[in-house]
Amino acid sequence: MAAQAEKAGASAFCAGEFADHNAYLTTGEMVGATERAMVGPGIAYAFARSPFVHASALRQLSKQAPGRLFLGLGSGTRRMNTDWFAAQASEPVRRMADLVAAVRAYLHAENGERVVNEGEFYPINAAIKAPVLGRLDIPILLGAFNRRMIHAAGQVADGVLGHGLFTDRWWSEVVNPGLAEGAAAADRNATEPRRWGWLITAINEDDPDRARRDARLQIAFYLTVKTYDTLVDLHGWQKETAEIREAFRRGDIDAMAAAVTDEILHAIALCGTRAEARDQLAARKVLPDLAFLSTPAFMVGERRRAAYATESIRLMAV
């Protein structure tokens, strides 16, 4: 898919992560299939790996894709960190800022230099006695959702990699001001942080209703996470979100999809027929500077995801 999309004009690809797929391994597969596009995790679970592991993966990938890599890092939820990863995740904003500094320390070190990060969570003093270093300038973006992490992205990272739930209002009223404030706190230009993000995209010319349902389900699955309540509150979607969470507790997938109204669907996703998706894209007023077309994954099999990816390439190529 990456090779096809690059031929169609795609300028970047990001690799997601979950229990059955690893962002760095998928990035490696896409690196091998492409020649020009930017490639990177978008996002990798930040606290599930040490700074050394993040940096060493990027160093290995950079040999095949020099100058084409980026790193998107996400904190994950507290439950994921403690129950899934057995990882420390207290003070996630401060921890993320320190992790970014530590990863950069490994990436920026020249041969013969000691790798040092005098951090609160990731203190490093490493003498790597092998000629394997050398400065790599790889952009680091944060999968930031709420205000404090967005501020951190503007202050310490190279930008934000926005979530698939982001709406025009969330970009304009929360993300953009937060990035600007973070940049100002670090004496950076407000326009310097990158504004990248996903767009949930599900197109099926033969069965557009199924595509809409899959998009609704993906949105519903995301809204089961309380971390995103700030977006829900901004839009006044509390009733619908409560219905989604109750249906999720019952295991009622149909009710989850039904609770996602047309208003919610059209504020977030591109879905239905190709023509409808084009119109929905045109109607968005505050898109990220670089948009990743992201296929639904919740309750969607590999074959249907591949079909959605093919349609996303067609949409992009128009």
Foldseek 3Di string as FASTA:
>chain_A
DLLLLVVLPAQEDAAEDDPVDARLVVQLVSLVNDDGHAYEHQAGQQQLDALVVVQVSVLVSCVSVPPRYAYEYENDDPCCQVPPRVGDCPPPQLVVLQSLVQNQLQQADAPPDFRARCGPVHGGTHNDNDRRHHHGDHFYAYQDQALSNLLSRLARGQAHAYELQDFLCCCVVGNLVSSQNSVVVNVHHSPRRAFHYEAAFFADAVCQVVSLLLLLLLVLVVLLDCVNVVVCVVVVLVVLSVQSNVCVVVVNSVSSSVSCDPVSSLRRHQTGHLVSSLVSVVPGDHHGPHYHHAYRDVVDDPVSSVVRVVSVSVSSSD
